[in-house]
Amino acid sequence: GEQQERVAEALGAPGGNAAAAVDRLVRALGLPRTLRDVGVRRDQLDAIAKGALNNLWVRTNPRPISTLDQIHELLEAAW
């Protein structure tokens, strides 16, 4: 909530959507937006998911992630 508002404001969109503001910044900078854009193949997602399951940042994510299916869901969205 509050952190999202601060991000949106810092990116010139006070009261706006932080995710949309970050997306506009990434597009403006010409940076890759998907895993596909950086050369990740769909057949690599399973190996990435297995490696991520034990990653400290995944285990401490604000939205609990504890299964391969949850990681696959996120990877598919990012792919």
PDB file of N, CA and C in Angstrom:
ATOM      1  N   GLY A   1       0.795  -1.190   0.000  1.00  0.00           N
ATOM      2  CA  GLY A   1       0.000   0.000   0.000  1.00  0.00           C
ATOM      3  C   GLY A   1       0.841   1.259   0.000  1.00  0.00           C
ATOM      4  N   GLU A   2       1.373   1.588   1.157  1.00  0.00           N
ATOM      5  CA  GLU A   2       2.128   2.832   1.297  1.00  0.00           C
ATOM      6  C   GLU A   2       3.402   2.807   0.449  1.00  0.00           C
ATOM      7  N   GLN A   3       4.082   1.687   0.430  1.00  0.00           N
ATOM      8  CA  GLN A   3       5.299   1.578  -0.371  1.00  0.00           C
ATOM      9  C   GLN A   3       4.983   1.701  -1.858  1.00  0.00           C
ATOM     10  N   GLN A   4       3.886   1.117  -2.285  1.00  0.00           N
ATOM     11  CA  GLN A   4       3.468   1.232  -3.677  1.00  0.00           C
ATOM     12  C   GLN A   4       3.203   2.697  -4.033  1.00  0.00           C
ATOM     13  N   GLU A   5       2.565   3.414  -3.132  1.00  0.00           N
ATOM     14  CA  GLU A   5       2.298   4.832  -3.355  1.00  0.00           C
ATOM     15  C   GLU A   5       3.596   5.622  -3.491  1.00  0.00           C
ATOM     16  N   ARG A   6       4.573   5.304  -2.652  1.00  0.00           N
ATOM     17  CA  ARG A   6       5.862   6.009  -2.714  1.00  0.00           C
ATOM     18  C   ARG A   6       6.579   5.737  -4.029  1.00  0.00           C
ATOM     19  N   VAL A   7       6.520   4.497  -4.489  1.00  0.00           N
ATOM     20  CA  VAL A   7       7.154   4.149  -5.762  1.00  0.00           C
ATOM     21  C   VAL A   7       6.487   4.917  -6.898  1.00  0.00           C
ATOM     22  N   ALA A   8       5.165   4.897  -6.936  1.00  0.00           N
ATOM     23  CA  ALA A   8       4.439   5.610  -7.989  1.00  0.00           C
ATOM     24  C   ALA A   8       4.778   7.095  -7.970  1.00  0.00           C
ATOM     25  N   GLU A   9       4.800   7.674  -6.798  1.00  0.00           N
ATOM     26  CA  GLU A   9       5.122   9.100  -6.677  1.00  0.00           C
ATOM     27  C   GLU A   9       6.550   9.385  -7.146  1.00  0.00           C
ATOM     28  N   ALA A  10       7.489   8.537  -6.748  1.00  0.00           N
ATOM     29  CA  ALA A  10       8.888   8.737  -7.134  1.00  0.00           C
ATOM     30  C   ALA A  10       9.068   8.645  -8.647  1.00  0.00           C
ATOM     31  N   LEU A  11       8.188   7.905  -9.303  1.00  0.00           N
ATOM     32  CA  LEU A  11       8.283   7.747 -10.753  1.00  0.00           C
ATOM     33  C   LEU A  11       7.357   8.716 -11.490  1.00  0.00           C
ATOM     34  N   GLY A  12       6.905   9.734 -10.783  1.00  0.00           N
ATOM     35  CA  GLY A  12       6.120  10.784 -11.423  1.00  0.00           C
ATOM     36  C   GLY A  12       4.656  10.483 -11.613  1.00  0.00           C
ATOM     37  N   ALA A  13       4.134   9.528 -10.861  1.00  0.00           N
ATOM     38  CA  ALA A  13       2.722   9.168 -10.982  1.00  0.00           C
ATOM     39  C   ALA A  13       2.060   9.171  -9.600  1.00  0.00           C
ATOM     40  N   PRO A  14       2.059  10.337  -8.907  1.00  0.00           N
ATOM     41  CA  PRO A  14       1.461  10.363  -7.561  1.00  0.00           C
ATOM     42  C   PRO A  14       0.005   9.897  -7.597  1.00  0.00           C
ATOM     43  N   GLY A  15      -0.323   9.012  -6.676  1.00  0.00           N
ATOM     44  CA  GLY A  15      -1.669   8.461  -6.613  1.00  0.00           C
ATOM     45  C   GLY A  15      -1.944   7.431  -7.692  1.00  0.00           C
ATOM     46  N   GLY A  16      -0.926   7.117  -8.486  1.00  0.00           N
ATOM     47  CA  GLY A  16      -1.099   6.167  -9.585  1.00  0.00           C
ATOM     48  C   GLY A  16      -0.723   4.757  -9.200  1.00  0.00           C
ATOM     49  N   ASN A  17      -0.637   3.935 -10.208  1.00  0.00           N
ATOM     50  CA  ASN A  17      -0.329   2.522 -10.053  1.00  0.00           C
ATOM     51  C   ASN A  17       1.185   2.333 -10.151  1.00  0.00           C
ATOM     52  N   ALA A  18       1.820   1.825  -9.104  1.00  0.00           N
ATOM     53  CA  ALA A  18       3.275   1.666  -9.079  1.00  0.00           C
ATOM     54  C   ALA A  18       3.748   0.693 -10.162  1.00  0.00           C
ATOM     55  N   ALA A  19       3.052  -0.402 -10.358  1.00  0.00           N
ATOM     56  CA  ALA A  19       3.465  -1.378 -11.363  1.00  0.00           C
ATOM     57  C   ALA A  19       3.443  -0.758 -12.765  1.00  0.00           C
ATOM     58  N   ALA A  20       2.412   0.013 -13.043  1.00  0.00           N
ATOM     59  CA  ALA A  20       2.316   0.670 -14.351  1.00  0.00           C
ATOM     60  C   ALA A  20       3.427   1.702 -14.513  1.00  0.00           C
ATOM     61  N   ALA A  21       3.751   2.419 -13.437  1.00  0.00           N
ATOM     62  CA  ALA A  21       4.822   3.410 -13.494  1.00  0.00           C
ATOM     63  C   ALA A  21       6.172   2.749 -13.737  1.00  0.00           C
ATOM     64  N   VAL A  22       6.427   1.630 -13.092  1.00  0.00           N
ATOM     65  CA  VAL A  22       7.683   0.899 -13.305  1.00  0.00           C
ATOM     66  C   VAL A  22       7.727   0.373 -14.742  1.00  0.00           C
ATOM     67  N   ASP A  23       6.605  -0.149 -15.233  1.00  0.00           N
ATOM     68  CA  ASP A  23       6.558  -0.651 -16.598  1.00  0.00           C
ATOM     69  C   ASP A  23       6.864   0.463 -17.598  1.00  0.00           C
ATOM     70  N   ARG A  24       6.319   1.651 -17.385  1.00  0.00           N
ATOM     71  CA  ARG A  24       6.614   2.783 -18.272  1.00  0.00           C
ATOM     72  C   ARG A  24       8.097   3.119 -18.248  1.00  0.00           C
ATOM     73  N   LEU A  25       8.713   3.081 -17.063  1.00  0.00           N
ATOM     74  CA  LEU A  25      10.139   3.363 -16.940  1.00  0.00           C
ATOM     75  C   LEU A  25      10.964   2.321 -17.697  1.00  0.00           C
ATOM     76  N   VAL A  26      10.658   1.053 -17.512  1.00  0.00           N
ATOM     77  CA  VAL A  26      11.389  -0.029 -18.177  1.00  0.00           C
ATOM     78  C   VAL A  26      11.261   0.118 -19.698  1.00  0.00           C
ATOM     79  N   ARG A  27      10.051   0.406 -20.170  1.00  0.00           N
ATOM     80  CA  ARG A  27       9.842   0.600 -21.615  1.00  0.00           C
ATOM     81  C   ARG A  27      10.641   1.801 -22.122  1.00  0.00           C
ATOM     82  N   ALA A  28      10.602   2.909 -21.372  1.00  0.00           N
ATOM     83  CA  ALA A  28      11.302   4.124 -21.787  1.00  0.00           C
ATOM     84  C   ALA A  28      12.809   3.904 -21.873  1.00  0.00           C
ATOM     85  N   LEU A  29      13.336   3.049 -21.006  1.00  0.00           N
ATOM     86  CA  LEU A  29      14.764   2.758 -21.004  1.00  0.00           C
ATOM     87  C   LEU A  29      15.139   1.695 -22.042  1.00  0.00           C
ATOM     88  N   GLY A  30      14.138   1.086 -22.649  1.00  0.00           N
ATOM     89  CA  GLY A  30      14.392   0.055 -23.645  1.00  0.00           C
ATOM     90  C   GLY A  30      14.923  -1.231 -23.046  1.00  0.00           C
ATOM     91  N   LEU A  31      14.586  -1.490 -21.799  1.00  0.00           N
ATOM     92  CA  LEU A  31      15.065  -2.698 -21.112  1.00  0.00           C
ATOM     93  C   LEU A  31      14.147  -3.882 -21.412  1.00  0.00           C
ATOM     94  N   PRO A  32      14.666  -5.093 -21.273  1.00  0.00           N
ATOM     95  CA  PRO A  32      13.822  -6.279 -21.485  1.00  0.00           C
ATOM     96  C   PRO A  32      12.727  -6.344 -20.425  1.00  0.00           C
ATOM     97  N   ARG A  33      11.558  -6.849 -20.837  1.00  0.00           N
ATOM     98  CA  ARG A  33      10.423  -6.911 -19.920  1.00  0.00           C
ATOM     99  C   ARG A  33      10.014  -8.335 -19.567  1.00  0.00           C
ATOM    100  N   THR A  34      10.536  -9.315 -20.288  1.00  0.00           N
ATOM    101  CA  THR A  34      10.142 -10.702 -20.035  1.00  0.00           C
ATOM    102  C   THR A  34      11.379 -11.587 -19.985  1.00  0.00           C
ATOM    103  N   LEU A  35      11.196 -12.774 -19.456  1.00  0.00           N
ATOM    104  CA  LEU A  35      12.291 -13.744 -19.463  1.00  0.00           C
ATOM    105  C   LEU A  35      12.668 -14.101 -20.899  1.00  0.00           C
ATOM    106  N   ARG A  36      11.673 -14.180 -21.768  1.00  0.00           N
ATOM    107  CA  ARG A  36      11.911 -14.452 -23.187  1.00  0.00           C
ATOM    108  C   ARG A  36      12.834 -13.403 -23.795  1.00  0.00           C
ATOM    109  N   ASP A  37      12.629 -12.137 -23.387  1.00  0.00           N
ATOM    110  CA  ASP A  37      13.431 -11.031 -23.918  1.00  0.00           C
ATOM    111  C   ASP A  37      14.914 -11.162 -23.579  1.00  0.00           C
ATOM    112  N   VAL A  38      15.239 -11.920 -22.538  1.00  0.00           N
ATOM    113  CA  VAL A  38      16.647 -12.088 -22.153  1.00  0.00           C
ATOM    114  C   VAL A  38      17.167 -13.477 -22.510  1.00  0.00           C
ATOM    115  N   GLY A  39      16.421 -14.185 -23.374  1.00  0.00           N
ATOM    116  CA  GLY A  39      16.906 -15.443 -23.912  1.00  0.00           C
ATOM    117  C   GLY A  39      16.546 -16.697 -23.141  1.00  0.00           C
ATOM    118  N   VAL A  40      15.676 -16.587 -22.148  1.00  0.00           N
ATOM    119  CA  VAL A  40      15.248 -17.784 -21.419  1.00  0.00           C
ATOM    120  C   VAL A  40      14.246 -18.539 -22.291  1.00  0.00           C
ATOM    121  N   ARG A  41      14.494 -19.829 -22.451  1.00  0.00           N
ATOM    122  CA  ARG A  41      13.582 -20.688 -23.209  1.00  0.00           C
ATOM    123  C   ARG A  41      12.548 -21.302 -22.263  1.00  0.00           C
ATOM    124  N   ARG A  42      11.369 -21.561 -22.788  1.00  0.00           N
ATOM    125  CA  ARG A  42      10.306 -22.158 -21.964  1.00  0.00           C
ATOM    126  C   ARG A  42      10.763 -23.490 -21.372  1.00  0.00           C
ATOM    127  N   ASP A  43      11.569 -24.267 -22.110  1.00  0.00           N
ATOM    128  CA  ASP A  43      12.004 -25.567 -21.591  1.00  0.00           C
ATOM    129  C   ASP A  43      12.998 -25.428 -20.435  1.00  0.00           C
ATOM    130  N   GLN A  44      13.422 -24.229 -20.119  1.00  0.00           N
ATOM    131  CA  GLN A  44      14.324 -23.994 -18.989  1.00  0.00           C
ATOM    132  C   GLN A  44      13.567 -23.647 -17.702  1.00  0.00           C
ATOM    133  N   LEU A  45      12.274 -23.385 -17.811  1.00  0.00           N
ATOM    134  CA  LEU A  45      11.512 -22.914 -16.652  1.00  0.00           C
ATOM    135  C   LEU A  45      11.485 -23.920 -15.510  1.00  0.00           C
ATOM    136  N   ASP A  46      11.433 -25.213 -15.823  1.00  0.00           N
ATOM    137  CA  ASP A  46      11.401 -26.231 -14.765  1.00  0.00           C
ATOM    138  C   ASP A  46      12.692 -26.192 -13.938  1.00  0.00           C
ATOM    139  N   ALA A  47      13.828 -26.110 -14.604  1.00  0.00           N
ATOM    140  CA  ALA A  47      15.108 -26.057 -13.887  1.00  0.00           C
ATOM    141  C   ALA A  47      15.207 -24.777 -13.057  1.00  0.00           C
ATOM    142  N   ILE A  48      14.727 -23.681 -13.607  1.00  0.00           N
ATOM    143  CA  ILE A  48      14.748 -22.415 -12.872  1.00  0.00           C
ATOM    144  C   ILE A  48      13.855 -22.520 -11.641  1.00  0.00           C
ATOM    145  N   ALA A  49      12.676 -23.107 -11.800  1.00  0.00           N
ATOM    146  CA  ALA A  49      11.747 -23.261 -10.670  1.00  0.00           C
ATOM    147  C   ALA A  49      12.365 -24.108  -9.565  1.00  0.00           C
ATOM    148  N   LYS A  50      13.000 -25.211  -9.943  1.00  0.00           N
ATOM    149  CA  LYS A  50      13.628 -26.080  -8.937  1.00  0.00           C
ATOM    150  C   LYS A  50      14.738 -25.348  -8.196  1.00  0.00           C
ATOM    151  N   GLY A  51      15.524 -24.575  -8.905  1.00  0.00           N
ATOM    152  CA  GLY A  51      16.582 -23.801  -8.254  1.00  0.00           C
ATOM    153  C   GLY A  51      16.030 -22.705  -7.359  1.00  0.00           C
ATOM    154  N   ALA A  52      14.918 -22.117  -7.779  1.00  0.00           N
ATOM    155  CA  ALA A  52      14.335 -21.005  -7.020  1.00  0.00           C
ATOM    156  C   ALA A  52      13.695 -21.458  -5.712  1.00  0.00           C
ATOM    157  N   LEU A  53      13.223 -22.675  -5.674  1.00  0.00           N
ATOM    158  CA  LEU A  53      12.513 -23.153  -4.487  1.00  0.00           C
ATOM    159  C   LEU A  53      13.363 -23.034  -3.229  1.00  0.00           C
ATOM    160  N   ASN A  54      14.663 -23.166  -3.345  1.00  0.00           N
ATOM    161  CA  ASN A  54      15.542 -23.081  -2.182  1.00  0.00           C
ATOM    162  C   ASN A  54      16.229 -21.722  -2.036  1.00  0.00           C
ATOM    163  N   ASN A  55      15.858 -20.774  -2.888  1.00  0.00           N
ATOM    164  CA  ASN A  55      16.467 -19.458  -2.864  1.00  0.00           C
ATOM    165  C   ASN A  55      15.966 -18.653  -1.666  1.00  0.00           C
ATOM    166  N   LEU A  56      16.874 -17.986  -0.969  1.00  0.00           N
ATOM    167  CA  LEU A  56      16.517 -17.192   0.209  1.00  0.00           C
ATOM    168  C   LEU A  56      15.458 -16.154  -0.112  1.00  0.00           C
ATOM    169  N   TRP A  57      15.571 -15.480  -1.254  1.00  0.00           N
ATOM    170  CA  TRP A  57      14.624 -14.406  -1.587  1.00  0.00           C
ATOM    171  C   TRP A  57      13.242 -14.950  -1.877  1.00  0.00           C
ATOM    172  N   VAL A  58      13.161 -16.139  -2.417  1.00  0.00           N
ATOM    173  CA  VAL A  58      11.862 -16.763  -2.653  1.00  0.00           C
ATOM    174  C   VAL A  58      11.241 -17.162  -1.322  1.00  0.00           C
ATOM    175  N   ARG A  59      12.045 -17.719  -0.440  1.00  0.00           N
ATOM    176  CA  ARG A  59      11.529 -18.161   0.870  1.00  0.00           C
ATOM    177  C   ARG A  59      11.081 -16.996   1.738  1.00  0.00           C
ATOM    178  N   THR A  60      11.621 -15.789   1.509  1.00  0.00           N
ATOM    179  CA  THR A  60      11.255 -14.640   2.334  1.00  0.00           C
ATOM    180  C   THR A  60      10.334 -13.675   1.596  1.00  0.00           C
ATOM    181  N   ASN A  61       9.780 -14.113   0.471  1.00  0.00           N
ATOM    182  CA  ASN A  61       8.870 -13.281  -0.301  1.00  0.00           C
ATOM    183  C   ASN A  61       7.650 -12.894   0.549  1.00  0.00           C
ATOM    184  N   PRO A  62       7.162 -11.665   0.434  1.00  0.00           N
ATOM    185  CA  PRO A  62       5.983 -11.260   1.221  1.00  0.00           C
ATOM    186  C   PRO A  62       4.761 -12.140   0.946  1.00  0.00           C
ATOM    187  N   ARG A  63       4.624 -12.613  -0.280  1.00  0.00           N
ATOM    188  CA  ARG A  63       3.562 -13.570  -0.609  1.00  0.00           C
ATOM    189  C   ARG A  63       4.191 -14.948  -0.494  1.00  0.00           C
ATOM    190  N   PRO A  64       3.764 -15.756   0.475  1.00  0.00           N
ATOM    191  CA  PRO A  64       4.400 -17.057   0.682  1.00  0.00           C
ATOM    192  C   PRO A  64       4.435 -17.914  -0.589  1.00  0.00           C
ATOM    193  N   ILE A  65       5.599 -18.468  -0.866  1.00  0.00           N
ATOM    194  CA  ILE A  65       5.805 -19.363  -2.004  1.00  0.00           C
ATOM    195  C   ILE A  65       6.474 -20.612  -1.455  1.00  0.00           C
ATOM    196  N   SER A  66       5.802 -21.747  -1.615  1.00  0.00           N
ATOM    197  CA  SER A  66       6.364 -22.966  -1.026  1.00  0.00           C
ATOM    198  C   SER A  66       6.308 -24.175  -1.952  1.00  0.00           C
ATOM    199  N   THR A  67       5.747 -24.010  -3.148  1.00  0.00           N
ATOM    200  CA  THR A  67       5.645 -25.162  -4.049  1.00  0.00           C
ATOM    201  C   THR A  67       6.186 -24.819  -5.435  1.00  0.00           C
ATOM    202  N   LEU A  68       6.575 -25.856  -6.153  1.00  0.00           N
ATOM    203  CA  LEU A  68       7.027 -25.675  -7.530  1.00  0.00           C
ATOM    204  C   LEU A  68       5.915 -25.103  -8.409  1.00  0.00           C
ATOM    205  N   ASP A  69       4.680 -25.510  -8.156  1.00  0.00           N
ATOM    206  CA  ASP A  69       3.562 -24.996  -8.952  1.00  0.00           C
ATOM    207  C   ASP A  69       3.440 -23.480  -8.814  1.00  0.00           C
ATOM    208  N   GLN A  70       3.630 -22.962  -7.611  1.00  0.00           N
ATOM    209  CA  GLN A  70       3.555 -21.515  -7.411  1.00  0.00           C
ATOM    210  C   GLN A  70       4.665 -20.801  -8.181  1.00  0.00           C
ATOM    211  N   ILE A  71       5.851 -21.373  -8.161  1.00  0.00           N
ATOM    212  CA  ILE A  71       6.974 -20.769  -8.876  1.00  0.00           C
ATOM    213  C   ILE A  71       6.737 -20.850 -10.379  1.00  0.00           C
ATOM    214  N   HIS A  72       6.233 -21.981 -10.851  1.00  0.00           N
ATOM    215  CA  HIS A  72       5.924 -22.129 -12.276  1.00  0.00           C
ATOM    216  C   HIS A  72       4.906 -21.079 -12.725  1.00  0.00           C
ATOM    217  N   GLU A  73       3.920 -20.831 -11.899  1.00  0.00           N
ATOM    218  CA  GLU A  73       2.903 -19.830 -12.227  1.00  0.00           C
ATOM    219  C   GLU A  73       3.545 -18.456 -12.434  1.00  0.00           C
ATOM    220  N   LEU A  74       4.455 -18.097 -11.537  1.00  0.00           N
ATOM    221  CA  LEU A  74       5.148 -16.811 -11.653  1.00  0.00           C
ATOM    222  C   LEU A  74       6.064 -16.774 -12.879  1.00  0.00           C
ATOM    223  N   LEU A  75       6.776 -17.860 -13.105  1.00  0.00           N
ATOM    224  CA  LEU A  75       7.676 -17.918 -14.248  1.00  0.00           C
ATOM    225  C   LEU A  75       6.922 -17.831 -15.570  1.00  0.00           C
ATOM    226  N   GLU A  76       5.798 -18.518 -15.646  1.00  0.00           N
ATOM    227  CA  GLU A  76       4.982 -18.457 -16.865  1.00  0.00           C
ATOM    228  C   GLU A  76       4.506 -17.025 -17.120  1.00  0.00           C
ATOM    229  N   ALA A  77       4.107 -16.343 -16.057  1.00  0.00           N
ATOM    230  CA  ALA A  77       3.672 -14.945 -16.206  1.00  0.00           C
ATOM    231  C   ALA A  77       4.819 -14.053 -16.657  1.00  0.00           C
ATOM    232  N   ALA A  78       6.026 -14.373 -16.204  1.00  0.00           N
ATOM    233  CA  ALA A  78       7.204 -13.563 -16.562  1.00  0.00           C
ATOM    234  C   ALA A  78       7.790 -13.959 -17.900  1.00  0.00           C
ATOM    235  N   TRP A  79       7.460 -15.126 -18.393  1.00  0.00           N
ATOM    236  CA  TRP A  79       8.034 -15.608 -19.635  1.00  0.00           C
ATOM    237  C   TRP A  79       7.373 -14.909 -20.799  1.00  0.00           C
TER     238      TRP A  79
END
